[in-house]
Structure formats: C-alpha cells, structure tokens
Amino acid sequence: MIPFFYALLFELKILFYFFKKVISSKLLVEKKKKNTIIKHMILYLFDNMEGKCQILFFQMNKKVFLNTTKMM
C-alpha cells in the first residue's frame, strides 16, 4: 500500500509542477490582461500544493527508513 502512496504523491508533484510551468509561461505572454490576478492566484495554489506533496513524500520516506532500520 505504501508504494502506491509514493507513486501517487510523486505523480501529483509532477502534475502540479507541470501546471505551474504552463500557467507561468502564459503569464509571460499575457502581462496586460485583466485575468492575470486569477492566474497568479492559481499559480500560487499549484506551487503550494507541489510543496505539500514534496513534504509528504519526504516524511513518508523518513518513516519507512526509520522502520526498516529498527528491524535490522
């Protein structure tokens, strides 16, 4: 079950990173339009979610590492 969560977190992290890159590239093209504030908010949301996925991924890695070293 744990490898499934690793894969899911990794895929979510990549997905949020991809969306972040797409939105930021569109923001470079459309600097003077009215909806840039909304795009900046979405960009911030994706950046935040990517960071949370990365933190969860590292916490799960730490727990698995500590559990395997206790067994040895």
C-alpha atoms as a PDB file:
ATOM      1  CA  MET A   1       0.000   0.000   0.000  1.00  0.00           C
ATOM      2  CA  ILE A   2       2.866   2.394   0.771  1.00  0.00           C
ATOM      3  CA  PRO A   3       4.406   2.205  -2.756  1.00  0.00           C
ATOM      4  CA  PHE A   4       1.012   3.246  -4.128  1.00  0.00           C
ATOM      5  CA  PHE A   5       1.091   6.403  -1.995  1.00  0.00           C
ATOM      6  CA  TYR A   6       4.676   7.100  -3.072  1.00  0.00           C
ATOM      7  CA  ALA A   7       3.677   6.867  -6.710  1.00  0.00           C
ATOM      8  CA  LEU A   8       0.562   8.978  -6.156  1.00  0.00           C
ATOM      9  CA  LEU A   9       2.460  11.725  -4.338  1.00  0.00           C
ATOM     10  CA  PHE A  10       5.184  11.724  -6.971  1.00  0.00           C
ATOM     11  CA  GLU A  11       2.647  11.965  -9.803  1.00  0.00           C
ATOM     12  CA  LEU A  12       0.781  14.782  -8.026  1.00  0.00           C
ATOM     13  CA  LYS A  13       4.033  16.655  -7.514  1.00  0.00           C
ATOM     14  CA  ILE A  14       4.879  16.352 -11.220  1.00  0.00           C
ATOM     15  CA  LEU A  15       1.339  17.352 -12.190  1.00  0.00           C
ATOM     16  CA  PHE A  16       1.395  20.487 -10.012  1.00  0.00           C
ATOM     17  CA  TYR A  17       4.869  21.351 -11.329  1.00  0.00           C
ATOM     18  CA  PHE A  18       3.636  20.983 -14.922  1.00  0.00           C
ATOM     19  CA  PHE A  19       0.567  23.163 -14.317  1.00  0.00           C
ATOM     20  CA  LYS A  20       2.764  25.734 -12.614  1.00  0.00           C
ATOM     21  CA  LYS A  21       5.064  25.901 -15.646  1.00  0.00           C
ATOM     22  CA  VAL A  22       2.167  26.167 -18.109  1.00  0.00           C
ATOM     23  CA  ILE A  23       0.460  28.962 -16.183  1.00  0.00           C
ATOM     24  CA  SER A  24       3.690  30.885 -15.629  1.00  0.00           C
ATOM     25  CA  SER A  25       4.522  30.682 -19.349  1.00  0.00           C
ATOM     26  CA  LYS A  26       1.048  32.010 -20.184  1.00  0.00           C
ATOM     27  CA  LEU A  27       1.550  34.837 -17.692  1.00  0.00           C
ATOM     28  CA  LEU A  28       4.701  35.904 -19.511  1.00  0.00           C
ATOM     29  CA  VAL A  29       2.725  36.197 -22.756  1.00  0.00           C
ATOM     30  CA  GLU A  30      -0.351  37.937 -21.297  1.00  0.00           C
ATOM     31  CA  LYS A  31       1.032  40.590 -18.993  1.00  0.00           C
ATOM     32  CA  LYS A  32      -1.550  43.320 -19.536  1.00  0.00           C
ATOM     33  CA  LYS A  33      -4.800  41.377 -19.459  1.00  0.00           C
ATOM     34  CA  LYS A  34      -7.309  41.584 -16.621  1.00  0.00           C
ATOM     35  CA  ASN A  35      -7.318  37.915 -15.618  1.00  0.00           C
ATOM     36  CA  THR A  36      -3.644  37.831 -14.628  1.00  0.00           C
ATOM     37  CA  ILE A  37      -4.529  38.191 -10.931  1.00  0.00           C
ATOM     38  CA  ILE A  38      -6.573  34.989 -11.079  1.00  0.00           C
ATOM     39  CA  LYS A  39      -3.734  33.211 -12.872  1.00  0.00           C
ATOM     40  CA  HIS A  40      -1.278  34.398 -10.222  1.00  0.00           C
ATOM     41  CA  MET A  41      -3.589  33.013  -7.527  1.00  0.00           C
ATOM     42  CA  ILE A  42      -3.818  29.656  -9.334  1.00  0.00           C
ATOM     43  CA  LEU A  43      -0.038  29.640  -9.772  1.00  0.00           C
ATOM     44  CA  TYR A  44       0.397  30.225  -6.035  1.00  0.00           C
ATOM     45  CA  LEU A  45      -2.062  27.404  -5.289  1.00  0.00           C
ATOM     46  CA  PHE A  46      -0.201  24.942  -7.522  1.00  0.00           C
ATOM     47  CA  ASP A  47       3.125  25.988  -6.019  1.00  0.00           C
ATOM     48  CA  ASN A  48       1.728  25.444  -2.518  1.00  0.00           C
ATOM     49  CA  MET A  49       0.276  22.032  -3.397  1.00  0.00           C
ATOM     50  CA  GLU A  50       3.528  20.923  -5.027  1.00  0.00           C
ATOM     51  CA  GLY A  51       5.402  21.878  -1.859  1.00  0.00           C
ATOM     52  CA  LYS A  52       2.948  19.965   0.329  1.00  0.00           C
ATOM     53  CA  CYS A  53       3.279  16.853  -1.849  1.00  0.00           C
ATOM     54  CA  GLN A  54       7.053  17.081  -1.596  1.00  0.00           C
ATOM     55  CA  ILE A  55       6.922  17.427   2.209  1.00  0.00           C
ATOM     56  CA  LEU A  56       4.591  14.416   2.488  1.00  0.00           C
ATOM     57  CA  PHE A  57       6.849  12.410   0.178  1.00  0.00           C
ATOM     58  CA  PHE A  58       9.919  13.124   2.318  1.00  0.00           C
ATOM     59  CA  GLN A  59       8.036  12.413   5.569  1.00  0.00           C
ATOM     60  CA  MET A  60       6.901   9.032   4.240  1.00  0.00           C
ATOM     61  CA  ASN A  61      10.461   8.251   3.121  1.00  0.00           C
ATOM     62  CA  LYS A  62      11.747   9.104   6.598  1.00  0.00           C
ATOM     63  CA  LYS A  63       9.160   6.866   8.315  1.00  0.00           C
ATOM     64  CA  VAL A  64       9.920   3.908   6.066  1.00  0.00           C
ATOM     65  CA  PHE A  65      13.667   4.389   6.550  1.00  0.00           C
ATOM     66  CA  LEU A  66      13.315   4.566  10.343  1.00  0.00           C
ATOM     67  CA  ASN A  67      11.078   1.484  10.429  1.00  0.00           C
ATOM     68  CA  THR A  68      13.484  -0.567   8.316  1.00  0.00           C
ATOM     69  CA  THR A  69      16.487   0.432  10.433  1.00  0.00           C
ATOM     70  CA  LYS A  70      14.623  -0.572  13.610  1.00  0.00           C
ATOM     71  CA  MET A  71      14.032  -4.045  12.178  1.00  0.00           C
ATOM     72  CA  MET A  72      17.734  -4.613  11.481  1.00  0.00           C
END
